[in-house]
Amino acid sequence: MPSILITGASAGIGRATAERFLDAGWQVALLARRADALERLGAGRANALVLPADVTDGAQVDAAFAQAVSAFGRLDVLFNNAGRFGPSGLIDEISLEDWRATVAVNLDGMFLCARAAFRQMRAQSPQGGRIINNGSISAHAPRPGSVAYTSTKHAITGLTKTLALDGRPFDICCGQIDIGNAVTEMTAAMASGVRQADGSLRAEDRMDVSHVADAVFHMAALPLGANVLFTTIMASKMPLVGRG
């Protein structure tokens, strides 16, 4: 069975994606801070491995990846998904502490997990694997007052491109999925109203999170000779084209 490690697996997109891979028979390592939520997700599934860990802690990340490889024998795919929205406000209203907390999860955490995955995929035999980074619509166009979140998501695009380039000699593919308005706990407020570029508050359409899980599954299941470098999946009527 192929293997995947999913970060941020305890809720939202991570949980839905984990369920998709578990149902398909993959070996799935579930990584998040909330051990109780991971235990509920993995309950009764022999192909689930629960890995409570904080993606901002390098030692915890490395230990979790080592545990996954010990259990599965190799690592075929990383879905680098864990993230947070961060504070909302103009740049002079954002504290350094809040900025650093957002960068720690959205950028440092994705770096640490990608580093651990790349190291394993480069060393294992047969060599290779796939890293899928969760970008965002905000990797293309910001929302008002989102300087911390948007900056990190633009940075993930650079991470994706560099890993796709540096991974070539080792059959390590890297791609990015940019997701807009899936129905999760994090986007609940969008159904009632979210601030637009013109200052107004408007509700935005959302799509079922299962469509995101299906898109990640498609990317992961490709042979290593093919790669989805970037893809965008979004509710058809959400503002992206013409957002501003």
Protein backbone atom coordinates (compact mmCIF):
# COMPACT_ATOMS: atom_id res chain seq x y z
CA MET A 1 0.00 0.00 0.00
CA PRO A 2 1.30 3.52 -0.71
CA SER A 3 1.86 5.80 2.26
CA ILE A 4 1.07 9.44 2.99
CA LEU A 5 1.67 11.73 5.95
CA ILE A 6 -0.92 14.48 6.40
CA THR A 7 -0.28 17.47 8.67
CA GLY A 8 -3.16 19.35 10.23
CA ALA A 9 -5.09 16.09 10.03
CA SER A 10 -7.33 16.65 13.04
CA ALA A 11 -9.88 18.96 11.37
CA GLY A 12 -11.06 20.66 8.21
CA ILE A 13 -9.23 19.98 4.96
CA GLY A 14 -6.67 17.74 6.65
CA ARG A 15 -9.31 15.53 8.21
CA ALA A 16 -11.37 15.24 5.00
CA THR A 17 -8.26 14.40 3.01
CA ALA A 18 -7.16 11.82 5.56
CA GLU A 19 -10.56 10.13 5.35
CA ARG A 20 -10.29 10.04 1.55
CA PHE A 21 -6.93 8.28 1.64
CA LEU A 22 -7.90 5.93 4.47
CA ASP A 23 -11.00 4.86 2.55
CA ALA A 24 -8.82 4.21 -0.51
CA GLY A 25 -6.62 1.84 1.48
CA TRP A 26 -3.49 4.00 1.75
CA GLN A 27 -1.30 3.88 4.83
CA VAL A 28 -1.98 7.27 6.42
CA ALA A 29 0.06 9.00 9.12
CA LEU A 30 -2.11 11.56 10.90
CA LEU A 31 -0.15 14.48 12.33
CA ALA A 32 -1.61 17.33 14.40
CA ARG A 33 -1.39 18.74 17.90
CA ARG A 34 -4.76 17.38 19.10
CA ALA A 35 -4.17 13.73 19.95
CA ASP A 36 -7.80 13.11 20.94
CA ALA A 37 -9.12 14.23 17.55
CA LEU A 38 -6.54 12.11 15.75
CA GLU A 39 -7.46 9.08 17.85
CA ARG A 40 -11.12 9.48 16.89
CA LEU A 41 -10.21 9.79 13.23
CA GLY A 42 -7.99 6.71 13.27
CA ALA A 43 -10.21 4.56 15.47
CA GLY A 44 -10.82 1.11 13.99
CA ARG A 45 -8.57 1.72 10.97
CA ALA A 46 -5.54 -0.55 10.77
CA ASN A 47 -4.03 1.69 8.07
CA ALA A 48 -4.01 4.81 10.29
CA LEU A 49 -1.04 5.95 12.37
CA VAL A 50 -1.67 8.67 14.95
CA LEU A 51 1.23 11.11 15.38
CA PRO A 52 0.54 13.94 17.84
CA ALA A 53 3.12 16.65 17.13
CA ASP A 54 3.58 20.40 16.74
CA VAL A 55 4.78 21.32 13.24
CA THR A 56 6.66 24.32 14.62
CA ASP A 57 8.93 22.05 16.70
CA GLY A 58 11.70 20.57 14.57
CA ALA A 59 12.50 17.75 16.99
CA GLN A 60 8.84 16.69 17.17
CA VAL A 61 8.53 16.80 13.37
CA ASP A 62 11.62 14.67 12.81
CA ALA A 63 10.48 12.15 15.44
CA ALA A 64 7.02 11.89 13.87
CA PHE A 65 8.43 11.29 10.39
CA ALA A 66 10.81 8.66 11.75
CA GLN A 67 7.88 6.91 13.41
CA ALA A 68 5.89 6.94 10.16
CA VAL A 69 8.79 5.47 8.18
CA SER A 70 9.34 2.83 10.86
CA ALA A 71 5.68 1.80 10.60
CA PHE A 72 5.28 2.01 6.81
CA GLY A 73 8.78 1.25 5.54
CA ARG A 74 8.89 4.37 3.34
CA LEU A 75 7.09 7.65 2.70
CA ASP A 76 5.46 8.16 -0.69
CA VAL A 77 3.59 11.45 -0.17
CA LEU A 78 3.50 14.39 2.24
CA PHE A 79 0.40 16.58 2.27
CA ASN A 80 1.90 19.68 3.88
CA ASN A 81 -1.40 21.10 5.08
CA ALA A 82 -1.19 22.54 8.62
CA GLY A 83 -1.84 26.28 8.77
CA ARG A 84 -3.64 29.14 10.48
CA PHE A 85 -5.30 32.36 9.35
CA GLY A 86 -3.45 34.64 11.75
CA PRO A 87 -4.46 38.14 12.87
CA SER A 88 -6.57 40.51 10.79
CA GLY A 89 -5.72 44.19 10.52
CA LEU A 90 -3.54 46.78 8.85
CA ILE A 91 0.20 46.16 9.13
CA ASP A 92 0.68 48.79 11.86
CA GLU A 93 -2.00 47.03 13.92
CA ILE A 94 -0.26 43.62 13.84
CA SER A 95 2.02 42.77 16.74
CA LEU A 96 5.37 41.15 16.12
CA GLU A 97 4.24 38.28 18.35
CA ASP A 98 1.17 37.60 16.19
CA TRP A 99 3.23 37.89 13.00
CA ARG A 100 5.78 35.40 14.28
CA ALA A 101 3.09 32.97 15.44
CA THR A 102 1.57 32.92 11.94
CA VAL A 103 4.95 32.54 10.24
CA ALA A 104 5.87 29.75 12.67
CA VAL A 105 2.97 27.55 11.57
CA ASN A 106 2.43 28.57 7.96
CA LEU A 107 6.05 28.84 6.84
CA ASP A 108 8.42 27.38 9.44
CA GLY A 109 6.13 24.39 9.96
CA MET A 110 5.83 23.68 6.25
CA PHE A 111 9.61 24.03 5.85
CA LEU A 112 10.27 21.59 8.69
CA CYS A 113 7.83 19.00 7.34
CA ALA A 114 9.04 19.38 3.75
CA ARG A 115 12.63 19.04 4.96
CA ALA A 116 11.85 15.82 6.82
CA ALA A 117 9.94 14.40 3.83
CA PHE A 118 12.62 15.39 1.31
CA ARG A 119 15.33 13.84 3.47
CA GLN A 120 13.45 10.55 3.65
CA MET A 121 12.44 10.47 -0.02
CA ARG A 122 16.01 11.17 -1.10
CA ALA A 123 17.40 8.37 1.10
CA GLN A 124 14.85 5.60 0.56
CA SER A 125 14.98 2.88 -2.07
CA PRO A 126 13.44 3.13 -4.56
CA GLN A 127 14.21 6.80 -4.32
CA GLY A 128 11.58 9.51 -4.68
CA GLY A 129 8.18 10.67 -3.54
CA ARG A 130 5.81 13.62 -3.69
CA ILE A 131 5.27 16.72 -1.55
CA ILE A 132 1.96 18.55 -1.89
CA ASN A 133 1.88 21.99 -0.27
CA ASN A 134 -1.38 23.62 0.75
CA GLY A 135 -1.15 27.13 -0.63
CA SER A 136 -4.26 29.32 -0.76
CA ILE A 137 -6.21 31.67 -2.97
CA SER A 138 -4.20 34.21 -0.96
CA ALA A 139 -1.07 32.94 -2.71
CA HIS A 140 -2.53 34.81 -5.72
CA ALA A 141 -4.61 37.68 -4.31
CA PRO A 142 -4.85 38.97 -0.73
CA ARG A 143 -7.91 39.71 1.30
CA PRO A 144 -7.98 43.07 3.10
CA GLY A 145 -6.08 43.07 6.36
CA SER A 146 -4.32 39.74 5.83
CA VAL A 147 -0.66 40.75 5.72
CA ALA A 148 0.67 37.87 7.84
CA TYR A 149 -1.35 35.08 6.23
CA THR A 150 -0.91 36.35 2.67
CA SER A 151 2.84 36.83 3.08
CA THR A 152 3.26 33.24 4.25
CA LYS A 153 1.15 31.84 1.43
CA HIS A 154 3.12 33.74 -1.19
CA ALA A 155 6.25 32.27 0.41
CA ILE A 156 4.84 28.75 0.04
CA THR A 157 4.79 29.29 -3.73
CA GLY A 158 8.54 29.89 -3.59
CA LEU A 159 8.97 26.78 -1.46
CA THR A 160 6.99 24.72 -3.96
CA LYS A 161 8.96 25.90 -6.97
CA THR A 162 12.31 25.35 -5.26
CA LEU A 163 11.43 21.84 -4.09
CA ALA A 164 10.13 20.94 -7.55
CA LEU A 165 13.47 22.04 -8.99
CA ASP A 166 15.76 20.61 -6.32
CA GLY A 167 13.83 17.34 -6.22
CA ARG A 168 14.34 16.49 -9.90
CA PRO A 169 17.56 14.47 -9.51
CA PHE A 170 15.93 12.34 -6.80
CA ASP A 171 12.48 11.73 -8.37
CA ILE A 172 10.90 13.98 -5.74
CA CYS A 173 7.93 15.89 -7.15
CA CYS A 174 6.42 18.95 -5.49
CA GLY A 175 3.10 20.60 -6.25
CA GLN A 176 0.81 23.15 -4.68
CA ILE A 177 -2.95 23.17 -4.26
CA ASP A 178 -4.51 26.60 -3.80
CA ILE A 179 -7.86 26.22 -2.09
CA GLY A 180 -10.68 28.73 -1.87
CA ASN A 181 -13.70 28.65 0.44
CA ALA A 182 -14.14 24.99 1.34
CA VAL A 183 -16.73 24.26 4.01
CA THR A 184 -14.65 23.87 7.19
CA GLU A 185 -14.64 25.33 10.69
CA MET A 186 -12.09 27.93 9.57
CA THR A 187 -14.38 29.37 6.87
CA ALA A 188 -17.67 29.38 8.79
CA ALA A 189 -17.77 33.20 8.92
CA MET A 190 -17.72 33.43 5.12
CA ALA A 191 -21.27 32.11 4.95
CA SER A 192 -22.55 35.15 6.85
CA GLY A 193 -20.24 37.84 5.56
CA VAL A 194 -16.56 38.59 4.98
CA ARG A 195 -14.86 41.91 4.26
CA GLN A 196 -14.30 42.69 0.60
CA ALA A 197 -11.73 44.94 -1.09
CA ASP A 198 -14.27 47.78 -1.33
CA GLY A 199 -14.87 47.66 2.43
CA SER A 200 -18.26 45.96 2.23
CA LEU A 201 -19.26 42.76 4.00
CA ARG A 202 -20.66 40.04 1.76
CA ALA A 203 -21.34 36.35 2.12
CA GLU A 204 -19.27 34.13 -0.17
CA ASP A 205 -20.09 30.78 -1.71
CA ARG A 206 -18.32 27.73 -0.30
CA MET A 207 -17.77 24.25 -1.74
CA ASP A 208 -17.90 20.86 -0.08
CA VAL A 209 -14.51 19.96 1.39
CA SER A 210 -14.69 16.51 -0.25
CA HIS A 211 -13.84 18.15 -3.58
CA VAL A 212 -10.55 19.35 -2.09
CA ALA A 213 -9.80 15.85 -0.81
CA ASP A 214 -10.48 14.42 -4.27
CA ALA A 215 -8.12 16.97 -5.85
CA VAL A 216 -5.32 16.12 -3.41
CA PHE A 217 -5.90 12.42 -4.05
CA HIS A 218 -5.58 12.98 -7.81
CA MET A 219 -2.27 14.80 -7.35
CA ALA A 220 -0.94 12.14 -4.98
CA ALA A 221 -1.90 9.16 -7.14
CA LEU A 222 -0.02 10.34 -10.24
CA PRO A 223 3.12 8.41 -11.23
CA LEU A 224 6.34 10.26 -10.44
CA GLY A 225 6.78 10.94 -14.14
CA ALA A 226 3.90 13.43 -13.95
CA ASN A 227 3.25 16.34 -11.61
CA VAL A 228 0.54 18.90 -10.97
CA LEU A 229 2.82 21.84 -10.17
CA PHE A 230 -0.03 24.24 -9.31
CA THR A 231 -3.77 23.81 -9.18
CA THR A 232 -6.60 26.00 -7.88
CA ILE A 233 -9.86 24.60 -6.57
CA MET A 234 -12.57 26.97 -5.37
CA ALA A 235 -16.28 27.56 -5.10
CA SER A 236 -17.28 28.59 -8.61
CA LYS A 237 -18.81 31.92 -7.53
CA MET A 238 -16.32 33.02 -4.90
CA PRO A 239 -14.45 36.23 -5.70
CA LEU A 240 -10.98 35.63 -7.03
CA VAL A 241 -11.06 36.88 -10.59
CA GLY A 242 -12.18 40.44 -9.96
CA ARG A 243 -11.60 40.18 -6.21
CA GLY A 244 -10.33 43.75 -6.06
